[in-house]
Amino acid sequence: MASQKPALPKGMRDFSPEQMAKRQYLFDTIQEVFKRYGYQPIETPTMEKLSTLTGKYGDEGDTLLFKVLNSGDFLKKAKHLEDYKTLTNEISEKGLRYDLTVPFARYVVQHQHEIQFPFKRYQMQPVWRADRPQRGRYREFYQCDADVVGSDSLLNEAELLMMADTVFTKLGLEVEIRLNNRKILQGLAEKIQAPEKMIALTVAIDKLDKIGWEGVSKELEEQGFTKEAIAEVYIFIQRKAEGLSFLKLFFEGNAVAHQGIAEMEEVLEPIEAFIPINNIVIDPVLARGLSYYTGCIYEIQATKHTMGSIGGGGRYDELTAIFGLKGVSGVGISFGVERIYDLLEVQGNFPEHLGQSTQVLFAVFDKDTQHFCMPIARRLRDRNIATEVYPDLQRIKKQFDYANKRDIPYVIVIGSEEMKTGKLTFKNMKTGEQQQLTEDEIISFMLETRTKKN
């Protein structure tokens, strides 16, 4: 068989040990904040039924779903070979999850008699989207979500924004948290006399940062909006920075829009007492394209770098109703781990020595010294001191080189003299200093060093 050049599908990645250490630091930081606010972990499967996924993310979202072929002779029952859309449904009943929110809604409905409402959960798992790969955008990537279901209280929105502020403060990233309410966009659709086109309106406005007003205007025109309606949308966008006072005037007499304004005011009130580190601004143009949002929505962007959204979420009142459980409102937030990772890398915000897992390496001369150090290595490990024994009988210099390349701070050298006296050569690889220490003295030193670091 001819040799094959190793390669990955576009939008997929391998992660080195150094990258994994940094990613784990990021996950741990977010998870610690989730736990601090009382959220519990769950997991859902990689694959869901296509009927669970389709129709929840809008038409564009549906085209980005990765579909999984049925097992066996998947073409056996296919009848529409000339129509790929119909054919896809005939040969594929499952798909890779597109996000974590819809599977979570399915989970809540299936387990409604086992969970305590309001139910606060967090989930940190990969999702898949058949998108065009580019910087900060991948086909396989992790999401870190926190959601509350079974509570209508707007305190949940306030706490989610406080969580976001805490996470990015801990990571050392300056961000802007943009806040809006879908009821304001619904009010806009009513004001321009196109309430039935509310989804088309939000999808177009959601592209404002990418395609500009000219592109949004063209898309609205293609969707059948009148010139008068488009002109009204333009005024709304142009004056968005004027804040709540403008919105109250612009939507005078519009009940649904004023309800959205009142909800935003209620969310902001406890946040002001919290005194956030990062800037939280009202952005009435913020749309978030996903069609299941019904109330407050928010999006997070870095202030020092252009990276697009690095987090966001909102209120969804009817998502569980799709699966048969009505009257259960939910609200959540999602952190874009991949983009946050890239930002931390660019800004140099990762702590030093994250990849430094091993603390002590035993360097040996022969089989006897190798066997001699094994019980000592075990006792170090029993004290939670990460320890390696060099496996090959090679020159000491090569073993030292290995320690330096792995960023291992200490090496214990054992030869015949060390075996006789019990005094082990303990070398600090950073300073080059060597000491003759007993096993107990080494353990005490390592534990004391760890305490000082913590």
Protein backbone atom coordinates (compact mmCIF):
# COMPACT_ATOMS: atom_id res chain seq x y z
CA MET A 1 0.00 0.00 0.00
CA ALA A 2 1.31 3.44 -0.95
CA SER A 3 2.16 5.78 1.91
CA GLN A 4 -0.40 8.47 2.63
CA LYS A 5 0.44 12.06 3.47
CA PRO A 6 -0.98 12.87 6.91
CA ALA A 7 -3.52 15.69 6.86
CA LEU A 8 -6.57 17.01 8.72
CA PRO A 9 -9.91 18.12 7.28
CA LYS A 10 -10.14 21.92 6.97
CA GLY A 11 -11.28 23.62 10.14
CA MET A 12 -10.02 20.81 12.40
CA ARG A 13 -6.93 20.97 14.62
CA ASP A 14 -4.50 18.97 16.72
CA PHE A 15 -3.42 20.38 20.09
CA SER A 16 0.10 20.04 21.49
CA PRO A 17 0.77 19.46 25.21
CA GLU A 18 1.61 23.16 25.58
CA GLN A 19 -1.65 24.17 23.89
CA MET A 20 -3.61 21.71 26.00
CA ALA A 21 -2.14 23.18 29.18
CA LYS A 22 -3.26 26.65 28.08
CA ARG A 23 -6.70 25.43 27.05
CA GLN A 24 -7.11 23.65 30.38
CA TYR A 25 -6.21 26.87 32.20
CA LEU A 26 -8.91 28.65 30.20
CA PHE A 27 -11.51 25.95 30.88
CA ASP A 28 -10.62 25.86 34.58
CA THR A 29 -10.95 29.65 34.88
CA ILE A 30 -14.41 29.68 33.29
CA GLN A 31 -15.54 26.58 35.19
CA GLU A 32 -14.49 28.07 38.53
CA VAL A 33 -16.71 31.11 37.88
CA PHE A 34 -19.62 28.88 36.80
CA LYS A 35 -19.35 26.94 40.06
CA ARG A 36 -19.06 30.16 42.07
CA TYR A 37 -22.53 31.11 40.84
CA GLY A 38 -24.09 27.72 41.61
CA TYR A 39 -24.12 26.09 38.16
CA GLN A 40 -23.91 22.28 37.82
CA PRO A 41 -22.21 20.31 35.00
CA ILE A 42 -23.96 18.08 32.46
CA GLU A 43 -22.96 16.54 29.13
CA THR A 44 -25.01 15.65 26.06
CA PRO A 45 -24.01 13.34 23.17
CA THR A 46 -22.01 14.37 20.12
CA MET A 47 -24.89 13.40 17.83
CA GLU A 48 -28.52 14.42 18.06
CA LYS A 49 -31.47 13.53 15.86
CA LEU A 50 -31.66 15.91 12.91
CA SER A 51 -35.26 16.61 13.88
CA THR A 52 -33.89 17.97 17.18
CA LEU A 53 -31.45 20.30 15.44
CA THR A 54 -33.16 21.56 12.28
CA GLY A 55 -35.36 24.63 12.35
CA LYS A 56 -33.77 26.03 15.54
CA TYR A 57 -30.97 28.16 14.06
CA GLY A 58 -32.67 29.82 11.08
CA ASP A 59 -32.24 28.87 7.43
CA GLU A 60 -28.53 29.73 7.37
CA GLY A 61 -27.88 27.74 10.53
CA ASP A 62 -29.57 24.67 9.03
CA THR A 63 -27.18 24.75 6.06
CA LEU A 64 -24.21 24.61 8.46
CA LEU A 65 -25.30 21.40 10.18
CA PHE A 66 -22.96 18.42 9.76
CA LYS A 67 -25.22 15.49 8.87
CA VAL A 68 -24.29 11.86 9.57
CA LEU A 69 -25.13 9.16 7.01
CA ASN A 70 -27.39 6.36 8.18
CA SER A 71 -25.66 3.07 8.91
CA GLY A 72 -25.54 0.30 6.35
CA ASP A 73 -27.03 0.70 2.87
CA PHE A 74 -28.14 4.31 3.36
CA LEU A 75 -29.24 4.65 -0.30
CA LYS A 76 -31.63 1.70 -0.15
CA LYS A 77 -34.68 3.78 0.75
CA ALA A 78 -33.62 6.94 -1.12
CA LYS A 79 -36.12 8.10 -3.76
CA HIS A 80 -35.08 11.67 -4.57
CA LEU A 81 -31.55 11.33 -5.92
CA GLU A 82 -31.97 14.46 -8.03
CA ASP A 83 -32.91 16.73 -5.07
CA TYR A 84 -30.05 16.93 -2.58
CA LYS A 85 -32.13 18.59 0.16
CA THR A 86 -34.78 15.88 0.16
CA LEU A 87 -32.13 13.21 -0.38
CA THR A 88 -30.20 14.39 2.67
CA ASN A 89 -33.23 13.81 4.89
CA GLU A 90 -33.74 10.35 3.41
CA ILE A 91 -30.18 9.14 4.00
CA SER A 92 -29.39 10.98 7.23
CA GLU A 93 -31.33 10.91 10.50
CA LYS A 94 -28.60 12.27 12.79
CA GLY A 95 -26.32 15.29 12.94
CA LEU A 96 -23.41 16.65 14.97
CA ARG A 97 -24.55 19.20 17.53
CA TYR A 98 -24.43 22.80 16.27
CA ASP A 99 -24.48 24.37 19.72
CA LEU A 100 -25.12 23.35 23.31
CA THR A 101 -28.39 25.25 23.90
CA VAL A 102 -30.79 23.19 21.77
CA PRO A 103 -29.46 19.84 23.10
CA PHE A 104 -29.81 21.34 26.59
CA ALA A 105 -33.47 22.18 25.91
CA ARG A 106 -33.99 18.59 24.75
CA TYR A 107 -32.23 17.35 27.90
CA VAL A 108 -34.48 19.45 30.16
CA VAL A 109 -37.64 18.09 28.58
CA GLN A 110 -36.45 14.48 28.75
CA HIS A 111 -35.30 14.81 32.38
CA GLN A 112 -37.90 17.29 33.65
CA HIS A 113 -39.00 14.97 36.48
CA GLU A 114 -35.44 14.45 37.72
CA ILE A 115 -34.17 18.03 37.92
CA GLN A 116 -34.92 20.84 40.35
CA PHE A 117 -36.24 24.10 38.84
CA PRO A 118 -34.84 26.65 38.41
CA PHE A 119 -32.13 24.45 36.93
CA LYS A 120 -28.68 26.02 36.55
CA ARG A 121 -26.31 24.03 34.37
CA TYR A 122 -22.98 24.55 32.67
CA GLN A 123 -21.60 22.56 29.77
CA MET A 124 -18.14 22.57 28.17
CA GLN A 125 -18.06 20.43 25.02
CA PRO A 126 -17.16 20.65 21.32
CA VAL A 127 -19.68 21.63 18.63
CA TRP A 128 -19.47 21.41 14.84
CA ARG A 129 -20.44 23.80 12.05
CA ALA A 130 -19.85 23.39 8.32
CA ASP A 131 -18.64 26.97 8.08
CA ARG A 132 -15.82 28.43 5.98
CA PRO A 133 -12.67 28.17 8.15
CA GLN A 134 -10.81 31.42 8.87
CA ARG A 135 -8.92 33.11 11.69
CA GLY A 136 -10.87 32.54 14.89
CA ARG A 137 -13.50 30.42 13.11
CA TYR A 138 -13.24 26.63 13.02
CA ARG A 139 -15.48 23.73 12.04
CA GLU A 140 -14.87 21.96 15.33
CA PHE A 141 -14.64 24.12 18.42
CA TYR A 142 -15.55 24.16 22.09
CA GLN A 143 -18.34 26.13 23.70
CA CYS A 144 -18.61 26.88 27.39
CA ASP A 145 -22.27 27.51 28.22
CA ALA A 146 -24.16 28.39 31.37
CA ASP A 147 -27.98 28.42 31.35
CA VAL A 148 -30.86 28.78 33.79
CA VAL A 149 -34.27 27.30 32.95
CA GLY A 150 -37.49 27.48 34.89
CA SER A 151 -37.19 31.11 36.03
CA ASP A 152 -38.57 34.31 34.49
CA SER A 153 -36.53 36.55 36.80
CA LEU A 154 -34.33 39.11 35.05
CA LEU A 155 -31.87 38.73 37.92
CA ASN A 156 -30.62 35.72 35.94
CA GLU A 157 -29.62 37.98 33.03
CA ALA A 158 -27.88 40.34 35.45
CA GLU A 159 -25.92 37.51 37.05
CA LEU A 160 -24.88 36.08 33.68
CA LEU A 161 -23.46 39.47 32.71
CA MET A 162 -21.70 39.67 36.09
CA MET A 163 -20.24 36.21 35.41
CA ALA A 164 -18.95 37.38 32.03
CA ASP A 165 -17.37 40.43 33.63
CA THR A 166 -15.71 38.21 36.26
CA VAL A 167 -14.40 35.68 33.71
CA PHE A 168 -12.74 38.28 31.49
CA THR A 169 -11.36 40.18 34.46
CA LYS A 170 -9.72 36.97 35.73
CA LEU A 171 -8.31 36.32 32.25
CA GLY A 172 -6.96 39.87 32.00
CA LEU A 173 -8.94 40.73 28.85
CA GLU A 174 -10.68 44.08 28.41
CA VAL A 175 -14.08 43.59 26.79
CA GLU A 176 -17.26 45.45 25.97
CA ILE A 177 -20.54 43.72 26.80
CA ARG A 178 -23.33 44.85 24.46
CA LEU A 179 -26.91 44.51 25.66
CA ASN A 180 -30.21 44.61 23.75
CA ASN A 181 -33.67 43.05 23.83
CA ARG A 182 -35.37 41.20 20.97
CA LYS A 183 -38.63 42.94 21.90
CA ILE A 184 -37.05 46.19 20.70
CA LEU A 185 -36.34 44.58 17.33
CA GLN A 186 -39.86 43.19 17.32
CA GLY A 187 -41.09 46.73 18.01
CA LEU A 188 -38.98 47.95 15.08
CA ALA A 189 -40.61 45.36 12.80
CA GLU A 190 -44.02 46.59 13.96
CA LYS A 191 -43.05 50.24 13.49
CA ILE A 192 -42.09 49.66 9.86
CA GLN A 193 -45.32 47.65 9.41
CA ALA A 194 -43.58 44.34 8.76
CA PRO A 195 -44.13 42.29 11.96
CA GLU A 196 -44.28 39.05 9.96
CA LYS A 197 -40.73 39.72 8.70
CA MET A 198 -39.15 40.13 12.11
CA ILE A 199 -36.75 37.19 11.62
CA ALA A 200 -35.63 38.45 8.20
CA LEU A 201 -35.08 41.89 9.73
CA THR A 202 -32.92 40.58 12.60
CA VAL A 203 -30.89 38.30 10.31
CA ALA A 204 -30.07 41.26 8.05
CA ILE A 205 -29.26 43.66 10.90
CA ASP A 206 -27.08 41.00 12.53
CA LYS A 207 -24.74 41.31 9.52
CA LEU A 208 -24.22 45.06 9.93
CA ASP A 209 -20.63 44.71 11.25
CA LYS A 210 -19.71 42.36 8.40
CA ILE A 211 -21.37 43.90 5.33
CA GLY A 212 -22.12 47.47 6.41
CA TRP A 213 -25.32 49.43 5.91
CA GLU A 214 -25.14 49.11 2.12
CA GLY A 215 -25.17 45.31 2.36
CA VAL A 216 -27.93 45.29 5.00
CA SER A 217 -30.05 47.68 2.90
CA LYS A 218 -29.65 45.47 -0.15
CA GLU A 219 -30.62 42.35 1.80
CA LEU A 220 -33.70 44.07 3.25
CA GLU A 221 -34.73 45.13 -0.24
CA GLU A 222 -34.32 41.55 -1.49
CA GLN A 223 -36.50 40.37 1.41
CA GLY A 224 -39.33 42.65 0.25
CA PHE A 225 -39.05 45.54 2.70
CA THR A 226 -40.33 48.85 1.34
CA LYS A 227 -38.07 51.88 0.77
CA GLU A 228 -39.89 53.70 3.57
CA ALA A 229 -39.30 50.80 5.95
CA ILE A 230 -35.59 50.63 5.04
CA ALA A 231 -35.29 54.39 5.59
CA GLU A 232 -36.81 53.99 9.06
CA VAL A 233 -34.35 51.20 9.87
CA TYR A 234 -31.52 53.46 8.74
CA ILE A 235 -32.61 56.22 11.15
CA PHE A 236 -32.83 53.64 13.94
CA ILE A 237 -29.28 52.45 13.24
CA GLN A 238 -27.84 55.94 12.85
CA ARG A 239 -29.17 57.09 16.22
CA LYS A 240 -28.49 53.89 18.19
CA ALA A 241 -25.77 55.51 20.32
CA GLU A 242 -28.28 57.93 21.87
CA GLY A 243 -29.38 55.24 24.32
CA LEU A 244 -32.59 54.65 26.21
CA SER A 245 -33.88 58.22 25.92
CA PHE A 246 -33.88 57.96 22.11
CA LEU A 247 -35.48 54.49 22.21
CA LYS A 248 -38.32 55.66 24.44
CA LEU A 249 -39.04 58.54 22.04
CA PHE A 250 -38.58 56.48 18.85
CA PHE A 251 -40.95 53.77 20.08
CA GLU A 252 -43.56 56.05 21.64
CA GLY A 253 -46.84 54.14 21.84
CA ASN A 254 -45.21 50.79 20.96
CA ALA A 255 -45.98 48.48 23.89
CA VAL A 256 -43.67 45.58 22.98
CA ALA A 257 -40.63 47.83 22.45
CA HIS A 258 -41.24 49.62 25.74
CA GLN A 259 -41.44 46.27 27.50
CA GLY A 260 -37.99 45.47 26.07
CA ILE A 261 -36.65 48.82 27.27
CA ALA A 262 -38.08 48.24 30.77
CA GLU A 263 -36.48 44.76 30.90
CA MET A 264 -33.06 46.19 30.03
CA GLU A 265 -33.41 48.80 32.77
CA GLU A 266 -34.29 46.05 35.24
CA VAL A 267 -31.23 44.02 34.22
CA LEU A 268 -28.88 46.99 34.56
CA GLU A 269 -30.06 48.01 38.03
CA PRO A 270 -28.37 45.20 40.06
CA ILE A 271 -25.31 45.34 37.77
CA GLU A 272 -24.70 48.97 38.76
CA ALA A 273 -24.51 47.85 42.39
CA PHE A 274 -22.08 45.08 41.35
CA ILE A 275 -19.78 47.74 39.78
CA PRO A 276 -18.45 45.83 36.74
CA ILE A 277 -14.84 46.19 35.63
CA ASN A 278 -15.72 46.07 31.94
CA ASN A 279 -18.00 48.39 30.01
CA ILE A 280 -21.64 47.30 29.57
CA VAL A 281 -23.40 49.29 26.82
CA ILE A 282 -26.89 49.31 25.35
CA ASP A 283 -26.80 48.50 21.65
CA PRO A 284 -30.33 48.48 20.13
CA VAL A 285 -28.92 47.23 16.80
CA LEU A 286 -27.52 44.04 18.36
CA ALA A 287 -29.62 41.25 16.84
CA ARG A 288 -27.94 37.85 17.33
CA GLY A 289 -29.15 35.81 14.38
CA LEU A 290 -30.40 32.73 16.21
CA SER A 291 -34.18 32.67 15.92
CA TYR A 292 -34.96 31.21 19.35
CA TYR A 293 -34.12 34.37 21.35
CA THR A 294 -37.17 36.22 22.70
CA GLY A 295 -35.95 38.72 25.32
CA CYS A 296 -32.65 40.21 26.49
CA ILE A 297 -29.66 39.41 24.28
CA TYR A 298 -26.00 40.25 24.79
CA GLU A 299 -22.71 39.91 22.98
CA ILE A 300 -19.12 40.31 24.16
CA GLN A 301 -16.27 41.79 22.11
CA ALA A 302 -12.63 42.48 22.91
CA THR A 303 -11.79 46.18 22.97
CA LYS A 304 -8.09 45.96 21.97
CA HIS A 305 -8.34 43.52 19.05
CA THR A 306 -10.77 42.91 16.18
CA MET A 307 -11.92 39.34 16.68
CA GLY A 308 -15.72 39.39 16.38
CA SER A 309 -17.89 38.05 19.15
CA ILE A 310 -16.09 36.14 21.93
CA GLY A 311 -19.24 35.41 23.89
CA GLY A 312 -22.96 36.02 23.97
CA GLY A 313 -26.40 34.71 24.76
CA GLY A 314 -29.89 35.68 25.73
CA ARG A 315 -33.40 34.80 26.88
CA TYR A 316 -35.42 32.10 25.12
CA ASP A 317 -39.02 31.55 26.24
CA GLU A 318 -40.25 28.85 23.89
CA LEU A 319 -37.29 26.57 23.19
CA THR A 320 -38.43 23.69 25.42
CA ALA A 321 -41.97 24.06 24.03
CA ILE A 322 -40.62 22.74 20.73
CA PHE A 323 -40.00 19.46 22.56
CA GLY A 324 -43.39 19.48 24.33
CA LEU A 325 -42.66 21.36 27.57
CA LYS A 326 -44.42 24.73 27.55
CA GLY A 327 -44.13 27.61 29.99
CA VAL A 328 -40.46 27.02 30.87
CA SER A 329 -38.34 30.08 30.15
CA GLY A 330 -34.57 29.94 29.89
CA VAL A 331 -31.62 32.27 29.60
CA GLY A 332 -27.95 31.56 29.01
CA ILE A 333 -24.51 32.68 27.98
CA SER A 334 -21.82 31.06 25.84
CA PHE A 335 -18.08 31.77 25.85
CA GLY A 336 -16.18 31.43 22.55
CA VAL A 337 -13.19 29.52 23.87
CA GLU A 338 -11.26 29.36 20.59
CA ARG A 339 -11.31 33.11 20.02
CA ILE A 340 -10.61 33.83 23.69
CA TYR A 341 -7.59 31.49 23.46
CA ASP A 342 -6.29 33.37 20.41
CA LEU A 343 -6.70 36.70 22.22
CA LEU A 344 -4.85 35.45 25.30
CA GLU A 345 -2.06 34.21 23.03
CA VAL A 346 -1.81 37.52 21.14
CA GLN A 347 -1.76 39.58 24.35
CA GLY A 348 0.58 37.20 26.19
CA ASN A 349 -1.94 36.75 29.00
CA PHE A 350 -1.34 33.07 29.71
CA PRO A 351 0.56 32.47 32.97
CA GLU A 352 4.14 31.30 32.58
CA HIS A 353 5.09 27.61 32.91
CA LEU A 354 1.56 26.30 32.27
CA GLY A 355 3.08 23.34 30.42
CA GLN A 356 5.29 22.53 33.38
CA SER A 357 3.56 19.38 34.62
CA THR A 358 6.56 17.35 35.81
CA GLN A 359 8.32 18.82 38.85
CA VAL A 360 11.11 16.28 39.35
CA LEU A 361 13.06 14.05 36.97
CA PHE A 362 15.23 11.14 38.12
CA ALA A 363 18.40 10.89 36.02
CA VAL A 364 20.04 7.46 36.23
CA PHE A 365 23.27 5.75 35.16
CA ASP A 366 22.29 2.08 34.91
CA LYS A 367 19.61 -0.50 35.68
CA ASP A 368 20.56 -0.68 39.37
CA THR A 369 20.16 3.06 39.93
CA GLN A 370 16.98 3.06 37.88
CA HIS A 371 15.45 0.33 40.06
CA PHE A 372 16.69 2.08 43.22
CA CYS A 373 14.81 5.30 42.42
CA MET A 374 11.45 3.68 41.61
CA PRO A 375 10.15 3.44 45.24
CA ILE A 376 11.40 7.00 45.91
CA ALA A 377 9.54 8.23 42.83
CA ARG A 378 6.39 6.54 44.09
CA ARG A 379 6.64 8.25 47.47
CA LEU A 380 7.04 11.62 45.74
CA ARG A 381 3.98 10.92 43.60
CA ASP A 382 2.03 9.87 46.69
CA ARG A 383 2.65 13.41 47.97
CA ASN A 384 1.23 14.84 44.70
CA ILE A 385 4.68 15.79 43.40
CA ALA A 386 4.66 15.11 39.64
CA THR A 387 7.67 12.88 39.01
CA GLU A 388 9.31 11.13 36.05
CA VAL A 389 12.03 8.51 35.88
CA TYR A 390 14.08 8.79 32.69
CA PRO A 391 13.36 5.48 30.93
CA ASP A 392 16.48 5.03 28.78
CA LEU A 393 20.07 4.49 29.88
CA GLN A 394 21.71 7.43 28.15
CA ARG A 395 24.35 10.04 28.93
CA ILE A 396 23.47 12.31 31.86
CA LYS A 397 23.83 15.36 29.61
CA LYS A 398 21.07 14.07 27.35
CA GLN A 399 18.85 13.50 30.38
CA PHE A 400 19.53 17.08 31.52
CA ASP A 401 18.70 18.33 28.02
CA TYR A 402 15.39 16.48 28.21
CA ALA A 403 14.60 18.18 31.53
CA ASN A 404 15.41 21.62 30.11
CA LYS A 405 13.31 21.11 26.99
CA ARG A 406 10.39 19.89 29.11
CA ASP A 407 10.82 22.83 31.53
CA ILE A 408 11.28 20.40 34.46
CA PRO A 409 12.67 22.53 37.31
CA TYR A 410 14.50 19.85 39.37
CA VAL A 411 16.55 16.75 38.58
CA ILE A 412 17.61 14.06 41.08
CA VAL A 413 20.79 12.26 39.98
CA ILE A 414 21.33 8.79 41.44
CA GLY A 415 24.63 6.94 41.09
CA SER A 416 26.38 4.28 43.16
CA GLU A 417 27.49 6.84 45.81
CA GLU A 418 23.92 8.12 46.27
CA MET A 419 22.70 4.53 46.67
CA LYS A 420 25.24 3.93 49.44
CA THR A 421 24.76 7.13 51.45
CA GLY A 422 21.07 7.89 50.83
CA LYS A 423 22.13 11.48 50.06
CA LEU A 424 20.72 12.23 46.62
CA THR A 425 22.12 14.83 44.22
CA PHE A 426 19.32 17.39 43.86
CA LYS A 427 19.87 19.90 41.02
CA ASN A 428 17.99 23.16 40.36
CA MET A 429 17.91 23.28 36.56
CA LYS A 430 17.30 27.03 36.46
CA THR A 431 20.19 28.11 38.71
CA GLY A 432 22.46 25.09 38.26
CA GLU A 433 22.81 24.77 42.06
CA GLN A 434 23.30 21.22 43.41
CA GLN A 435 22.72 19.88 46.93
CA GLN A 436 23.06 16.52 48.63
CA LEU A 437 19.67 15.87 50.25
CA THR A 438 17.84 12.92 51.74
CA GLU A 439 14.53 11.75 50.35
CA ASP A 440 12.61 13.40 53.25
CA GLU A 441 14.49 16.68 52.76
CA ILE A 442 13.61 16.69 49.05
CA ILE A 443 9.92 16.04 49.79
CA SER A 444 9.86 18.84 52.40
CA PHE A 445 11.54 21.24 49.97
CA MET A 446 9.11 20.44 47.14
CA LEU A 447 6.04 20.79 49.38
CA GLU A 448 7.32 24.08 50.75
CA THR A 449 8.02 25.38 47.23
CA ARG A 450 4.48 24.45 46.14
CA THR A 451 2.98 26.24 49.18
CA LYS A 452 4.91 29.43 48.35
CA LYS A 453 3.65 29.35 44.74
CA ASN A 454 0.05 28.97 45.86
